[in-house]
Amino acid sequence: MNLTCHKCGFTAGYLEFAYLCKNGCPACGESELRQCPACGTRCVFSRAESLEDEQARMKELSMNLAAITRADGPDLIQEARHLVSMLHDMNMRWNSDALNTFLLAKQKELFF
């Protein structure tokens, strides 16, 4: 999901805009305050917009992680650690038991 700064027009993925805080409530339509990496302007974005593509991204990252084995070199093991961290953070929002089980099994497999 790309976001666009309302002041300078900079467009990038929502993860490139620094997260500052949440606004509103889940029942009323939660939004996030994020900071533009180009000009520093604080921009409000709908939470629903930022999560639109996250499920597909989680699947892509999970497939990348599944392809890494213990026999791979230290660079790929480090990449696996990064993927586990990213997926764990994403799963804090989604609360998927299947993803949690996968992450725990992959960590045991790679000896984290």
N, C-alpha and C. Protein backbone atom coordinates (compact mmCIF):
# COMPACT_ATOMS: atom_id res chain seq x y z
N MET A 1 0.84 -1.18 0.00
CA MET A 1 0.00 0.00 0.00
C MET A 1 0.87 1.23 0.00
N ASN A 2 0.72 2.07 -0.98
CA ASN A 2 1.46 3.32 -1.05
C ASN A 2 0.67 4.44 -0.39
N LEU A 3 1.38 5.31 0.30
CA LEU A 3 0.79 6.48 0.91
C LEU A 3 1.40 7.71 0.25
N THR A 4 0.66 8.80 0.25
CA THR A 4 1.14 10.04 -0.34
C THR A 4 1.05 11.15 0.70
N CYS A 5 2.13 11.86 0.87
CA CYS A 5 2.16 13.00 1.78
C CYS A 5 1.26 14.10 1.24
N HIS A 6 0.39 14.63 2.09
CA HIS A 6 -0.53 15.68 1.65
C HIS A 6 0.16 17.03 1.46
N LYS A 7 1.40 17.18 1.97
CA LYS A 7 2.09 18.46 1.82
C LYS A 7 3.03 18.49 0.61
N CYS A 8 3.92 17.47 0.51
CA CYS A 8 4.93 17.51 -0.56
C CYS A 8 4.62 16.57 -1.71
N GLY A 9 3.65 15.66 -1.53
CA GLY A 9 3.29 14.74 -2.61
C GLY A 9 4.16 13.51 -2.70
N PHE A 10 5.12 13.33 -1.76
CA PHE A 10 5.98 12.16 -1.76
C PHE A 10 5.12 10.90 -1.60
N THR A 11 5.38 9.88 -2.43
CA THR A 11 4.64 8.62 -2.38
C THR A 11 5.61 7.47 -2.15
N ALA A 12 5.26 6.62 -1.19
CA ALA A 12 6.07 5.45 -0.87
C ALA A 12 5.20 4.45 -0.12
N GLY A 13 5.74 3.26 0.13
CA GLY A 13 5.05 2.26 0.92
C GLY A 13 4.80 2.77 2.33
N TYR A 14 3.72 2.33 2.95
CA TYR A 14 3.35 2.87 4.26
C TYR A 14 4.41 2.60 5.32
N LEU A 15 5.23 1.55 5.15
CA LEU A 15 6.26 1.25 6.13
C LEU A 15 7.40 2.27 6.08
N GLU A 16 7.53 2.99 4.98
CA GLU A 16 8.58 4.01 4.87
C GLU A 16 8.20 5.28 5.63
N PHE A 17 6.92 5.49 5.87
CA PHE A 17 6.46 6.62 6.67
C PHE A 17 6.58 6.22 8.14
N ALA A 18 7.37 6.95 8.89
CA ALA A 18 7.62 6.62 10.30
C ALA A 18 6.32 6.65 11.10
N TYR A 19 6.07 5.57 11.83
CA TYR A 19 4.87 5.47 12.68
C TYR A 19 5.05 6.36 13.89
N LEU A 20 4.05 7.18 14.20
CA LEU A 20 4.10 8.06 15.36
C LEU A 20 3.12 7.62 16.45
N CYS A 21 1.85 7.43 16.09
CA CYS A 21 0.85 6.99 17.07
C CYS A 21 -0.46 6.65 16.37
N LYS A 22 -1.38 6.08 17.15
CA LYS A 22 -2.72 5.78 16.66
C LYS A 22 -3.66 6.92 17.01
N ASN A 23 -4.67 7.09 16.20
CA ASN A 23 -5.73 8.07 16.44
C ASN A 23 -7.06 7.33 16.39
N GLY A 24 -8.04 7.82 17.13
CA GLY A 24 -9.37 7.22 17.06
C GLY A 24 -9.46 5.92 17.84
N CYS A 25 -10.51 5.17 17.55
CA CYS A 25 -10.70 3.89 18.22
C CYS A 25 -11.07 2.84 17.18
N PRO A 26 -10.82 1.55 17.47
CA PRO A 26 -11.12 0.51 16.49
C PRO A 26 -12.57 0.49 16.03
N ALA A 27 -13.50 0.78 16.94
CA ALA A 27 -14.91 0.74 16.58
C ALA A 27 -15.31 1.91 15.67
N CYS A 28 -14.66 3.04 15.84
CA CYS A 28 -15.03 4.25 15.09
C CYS A 28 -14.22 4.42 13.80
N GLY A 29 -13.21 3.64 13.62
CA GLY A 29 -12.35 3.80 12.45
C GLY A 29 -11.00 4.33 12.84
N GLU A 30 -10.16 3.44 13.27
CA GLU A 30 -8.83 3.80 13.74
C GLU A 30 -7.96 4.33 12.59
N SER A 31 -7.12 5.28 12.88
CA SER A 31 -6.17 5.78 11.90
C SER A 31 -4.80 5.91 12.56
N GLU A 32 -3.77 6.16 11.75
CA GLU A 32 -2.42 6.28 12.26
C GLU A 32 -1.84 7.63 11.87
N LEU A 33 -1.05 8.18 12.75
CA LEU A 33 -0.29 9.37 12.45
C LEU A 33 1.11 8.89 12.07
N ARG A 34 1.54 9.23 10.86
CA ARG A 34 2.85 8.84 10.34
C ARG A 34 3.57 10.07 9.83
N GLN A 35 4.91 9.99 9.80
CA GLN A 35 5.72 11.12 9.37
C GLN A 35 6.32 10.87 8.00
N CYS A 36 6.18 11.85 7.12
CA CYS A 36 6.72 11.75 5.77
C CYS A 36 8.25 11.71 5.82
N PRO A 37 8.87 10.72 5.16
CA PRO A 37 10.33 10.64 5.17
C PRO A 37 10.99 11.74 4.33
N ALA A 38 10.26 12.37 3.44
CA ALA A 38 10.84 13.40 2.57
C ALA A 38 10.83 14.78 3.23
N CYS A 39 9.69 15.17 3.80
CA CYS A 39 9.60 16.54 4.32
C CYS A 39 9.34 16.61 5.82
N GLY A 40 9.03 15.48 6.47
CA GLY A 40 8.80 15.47 7.91
C GLY A 40 7.39 15.84 8.34
N THR A 41 6.51 16.09 7.40
CA THR A 41 5.13 16.43 7.73
C THR A 41 4.44 15.24 8.39
N ARG A 42 3.62 15.53 9.37
CA ARG A 42 2.83 14.49 10.03
C ARG A 42 1.54 14.31 9.25
N CYS A 43 1.29 13.06 8.83
CA CYS A 43 0.13 12.75 7.99
C CYS A 43 -0.73 11.71 8.67
N VAL A 44 -2.05 11.86 8.57
CA VAL A 44 -2.99 10.89 9.13
C VAL A 44 -3.44 9.96 8.01
N PHE A 45 -3.33 8.65 8.25
CA PHE A 45 -3.73 7.65 7.27
C PHE A 45 -4.69 6.67 7.92
N SER A 46 -5.66 6.24 7.16
CA SER A 46 -6.62 5.26 7.63
C SER A 46 -5.92 3.94 7.89
N ARG A 47 -6.19 3.34 9.03
CA ARG A 47 -5.59 2.05 9.39
C ARG A 47 -5.99 0.99 8.37
N ALA A 48 -7.21 1.02 7.90
CA ALA A 48 -7.69 0.04 6.92
C ALA A 48 -6.86 0.12 5.64
N GLU A 49 -6.49 1.32 5.22
CA GLU A 49 -5.67 1.48 4.03
C GLU A 49 -4.31 0.84 4.20
N SER A 50 -3.70 1.04 5.36
CA SER A 50 -2.34 0.53 5.58
C SER A 50 -2.30 -0.99 5.69
N LEU A 51 -3.42 -1.59 6.07
CA LEU A 51 -3.46 -3.05 6.23
C LEU A 51 -3.94 -3.78 4.98
N GLU A 52 -4.35 -3.00 3.99
CA GLU A 52 -4.95 -3.57 2.78
C GLU A 52 -4.07 -4.66 2.13
N ASP A 53 -2.80 -4.39 1.99
CA ASP A 53 -1.90 -5.32 1.33
C ASP A 53 -1.05 -6.15 2.28
N GLU A 54 -1.22 -5.94 3.59
CA GLU A 54 -0.35 -6.63 4.55
C GLU A 54 -0.53 -8.14 4.53
N GLN A 55 -1.72 -8.63 4.33
CA GLN A 55 -1.95 -10.07 4.32
C GLN A 55 -1.18 -10.73 3.18
N ALA A 56 -1.19 -10.13 2.01
CA ALA A 56 -0.43 -10.66 0.87
C ALA A 56 1.07 -10.58 1.16
N ARG A 57 1.50 -9.50 1.79
CA ARG A 57 2.92 -9.34 2.14
C ARG A 57 3.34 -10.41 3.15
N MET A 58 2.47 -10.72 4.11
CA MET A 58 2.78 -11.76 5.10
C MET A 58 2.97 -13.11 4.40
N LYS A 59 2.14 -13.41 3.44
CA LYS A 59 2.26 -14.66 2.69
C LYS A 59 3.58 -14.71 1.94
N GLU A 60 3.94 -13.61 1.29
CA GLU A 60 5.20 -13.54 0.54
C GLU A 60 6.40 -13.73 1.47
N LEU A 61 6.40 -13.04 2.60
CA LEU A 61 7.50 -13.16 3.56
C LEU A 61 7.57 -14.56 4.14
N SER A 62 6.43 -15.18 4.40
CA SER A 62 6.40 -16.54 4.93
C SER A 62 6.99 -17.53 3.94
N MET A 63 6.70 -17.34 2.66
CA MET A 63 7.26 -18.23 1.64
C MET A 63 8.78 -18.05 1.55
N ASN A 64 9.25 -16.81 1.67
CA ASN A 64 10.69 -16.56 1.68
C ASN A 64 11.35 -17.23 2.87
N LEU A 65 10.71 -17.13 4.03
CA LEU A 65 11.25 -17.75 5.24
C LEU A 65 11.25 -19.27 5.13
N ALA A 66 10.20 -19.84 4.58
CA ALA A 66 10.09 -21.29 4.44
C ALA A 66 11.21 -21.85 3.56
N ALA A 67 11.70 -21.05 2.63
CA ALA A 67 12.75 -21.52 1.71
C ALA A 67 14.14 -21.56 2.36
N ILE A 68 14.30 -20.92 3.50
CA ILE A 68 15.61 -20.89 4.18
C ILE A 68 15.74 -22.12 5.08
N THR A 69 16.88 -22.80 4.96
CA THR A 69 17.14 -23.99 5.77
C THR A 69 18.35 -23.76 6.67
N ARG A 70 18.53 -24.65 7.62
CA ARG A 70 19.64 -24.56 8.55
C ARG A 70 20.99 -24.69 7.83
N ALA A 71 21.00 -25.36 6.70
CA ALA A 71 22.24 -25.57 5.94
C ALA A 71 22.67 -24.32 5.18
N ASP A 72 21.80 -23.33 5.07
CA ASP A 72 22.14 -22.10 4.35
C ASP A 72 23.18 -21.31 5.14
N GLY A 73 23.86 -20.42 4.45
CA GLY A 73 24.94 -19.63 5.05
C GLY A 73 24.45 -18.63 6.08
N PRO A 74 25.40 -17.99 6.77
CA PRO A 74 25.05 -17.03 7.82
C PRO A 74 24.25 -15.83 7.32
N ASP A 75 24.46 -15.43 6.07
CA ASP A 75 23.70 -14.30 5.53
C ASP A 75 22.22 -14.64 5.44
N LEU A 76 21.91 -15.85 4.97
CA LEU A 76 20.50 -16.25 4.87
C LEU A 76 19.89 -16.50 6.25
N ILE A 77 20.68 -16.99 7.19
CA ILE A 77 20.19 -17.18 8.56
C ILE A 77 19.85 -15.82 9.17
N GLN A 78 20.69 -14.83 8.91
CA GLN A 78 20.40 -13.47 9.39
C GLN A 78 19.13 -12.93 8.72
N GLU A 79 18.97 -13.20 7.44
CA GLU A 79 17.76 -12.80 6.72
C GLU A 79 16.54 -13.47 7.36
N ALA A 80 16.68 -14.75 7.73
CA ALA A 80 15.58 -15.47 8.38
C ALA A 80 15.21 -14.80 9.70
N ARG A 81 16.20 -14.37 10.46
CA ARG A 81 15.91 -13.68 11.73
C ARG A 81 15.11 -12.40 11.48
N HIS A 82 15.51 -11.68 10.44
CA HIS A 82 14.80 -10.46 10.09
C HIS A 82 13.36 -10.76 9.67
N LEU A 83 13.18 -11.81 8.86
CA LEU A 83 11.84 -12.20 8.41
C LEU A 83 10.96 -12.61 9.58
N VAL A 84 11.53 -13.39 10.51
CA VAL A 84 10.78 -13.82 11.70
C VAL A 84 10.32 -12.60 12.49
N SER A 85 11.22 -11.64 12.65
CA SER A 85 10.88 -10.42 13.39
C SER A 85 9.76 -9.64 12.70
N MET A 86 9.88 -9.47 11.39
CA MET A 86 8.85 -8.74 10.65
C MET A 86 7.50 -9.44 10.73
N LEU A 87 7.51 -10.76 10.53
CA LEU A 87 6.26 -11.52 10.56
C LEU A 87 5.65 -11.52 11.95
N HIS A 88 6.49 -11.59 12.97
CA HIS A 88 5.98 -11.54 14.35
C HIS A 88 5.28 -10.21 14.60
N ASP A 89 5.90 -9.11 14.18
CA ASP A 89 5.29 -7.80 14.36
C ASP A 89 3.96 -7.69 13.61
N MET A 90 3.92 -8.21 12.39
CA MET A 90 2.68 -8.18 11.62
C MET A 90 1.61 -9.03 12.29
N ASN A 91 2.02 -10.16 12.83
CA ASN A 91 1.05 -11.06 13.44
C ASN A 91 0.49 -10.51 14.75
N MET A 92 1.15 -9.52 15.32
CA MET A 92 0.58 -8.87 16.51
C MET A 92 -0.75 -8.20 16.15
N ARG A 93 -0.88 -7.78 14.89
CA ARG A 93 -2.14 -7.17 14.43
C ARG A 93 -3.15 -8.23 13.99
N TRP A 94 -2.68 -9.31 13.37
CA TRP A 94 -3.58 -10.30 12.76
C TRP A 94 -3.93 -11.43 13.71
N ASN A 95 -3.04 -11.75 14.64
CA ASN A 95 -3.27 -12.81 15.63
C ASN A 95 -3.62 -14.15 14.97
N SER A 96 -2.80 -14.55 14.01
CA SER A 96 -3.02 -15.81 13.29
C SER A 96 -2.30 -16.95 14.01
N ASP A 97 -3.08 -17.94 14.48
CA ASP A 97 -2.48 -19.10 15.14
C ASP A 97 -1.58 -19.87 14.18
N ALA A 98 -1.98 -19.99 12.92
CA ALA A 98 -1.19 -20.72 11.94
C ALA A 98 0.16 -20.06 11.72
N LEU A 99 0.17 -18.74 11.62
CA LEU A 99 1.44 -18.03 11.42
C LEU A 99 2.30 -18.15 12.67
N ASN A 100 1.70 -18.04 13.83
CA ASN A 100 2.45 -18.18 15.07
C ASN A 100 3.10 -19.56 15.17
N THR A 101 2.36 -20.59 14.84
CA THR A 101 2.89 -21.96 14.86
C THR A 101 4.03 -22.12 13.86
N PHE A 102 3.85 -21.56 12.67
CA PHE A 102 4.90 -21.61 11.64
C PHE A 102 6.17 -20.92 12.13
N LEU A 103 6.03 -19.74 12.72
CA LEU A 103 7.20 -18.99 13.19
C LEU A 103 7.94 -19.74 14.29
N LEU A 104 7.20 -20.33 15.22
CA LEU A 104 7.84 -21.10 16.29
C LEU A 104 8.58 -22.32 15.73
N ALA A 105 7.97 -23.03 14.80
CA ALA A 105 8.60 -24.19 14.21
C ALA A 105 9.84 -23.80 13.42
N LYS A 106 9.78 -22.71 12.69
CA LYS A 106 10.92 -22.26 11.89
C LYS A 106 12.07 -21.82 12.79
N GLN A 107 11.75 -21.18 13.89
CA GLN A 107 12.80 -20.77 14.84
C GLN A 107 13.49 -21.99 15.44
N LYS A 108 12.72 -23.01 15.78
CA LYS A 108 13.33 -24.24 16.32
C LYS A 108 14.19 -24.92 15.26
N GLU A 109 13.70 -24.93 14.04
CA GLU A 109 14.44 -25.56 12.94
C GLU A 109 15.78 -24.86 12.70
N LEU A 110 15.78 -23.54 12.80
CA LEU A 110 17.00 -22.77 12.51
C LEU A 110 17.83 -22.50 13.77
N PHE A 111 17.41 -23.05 14.91
CA PHE A 111 18.11 -22.92 16.19
C PHE A 111 18.22 -21.48 16.67
N PHE A 112 17.14 -20.77 16.64
CA PHE A 112 17.14 -19.40 17.19
C PHE A 112 16.99 -19.50 18.69
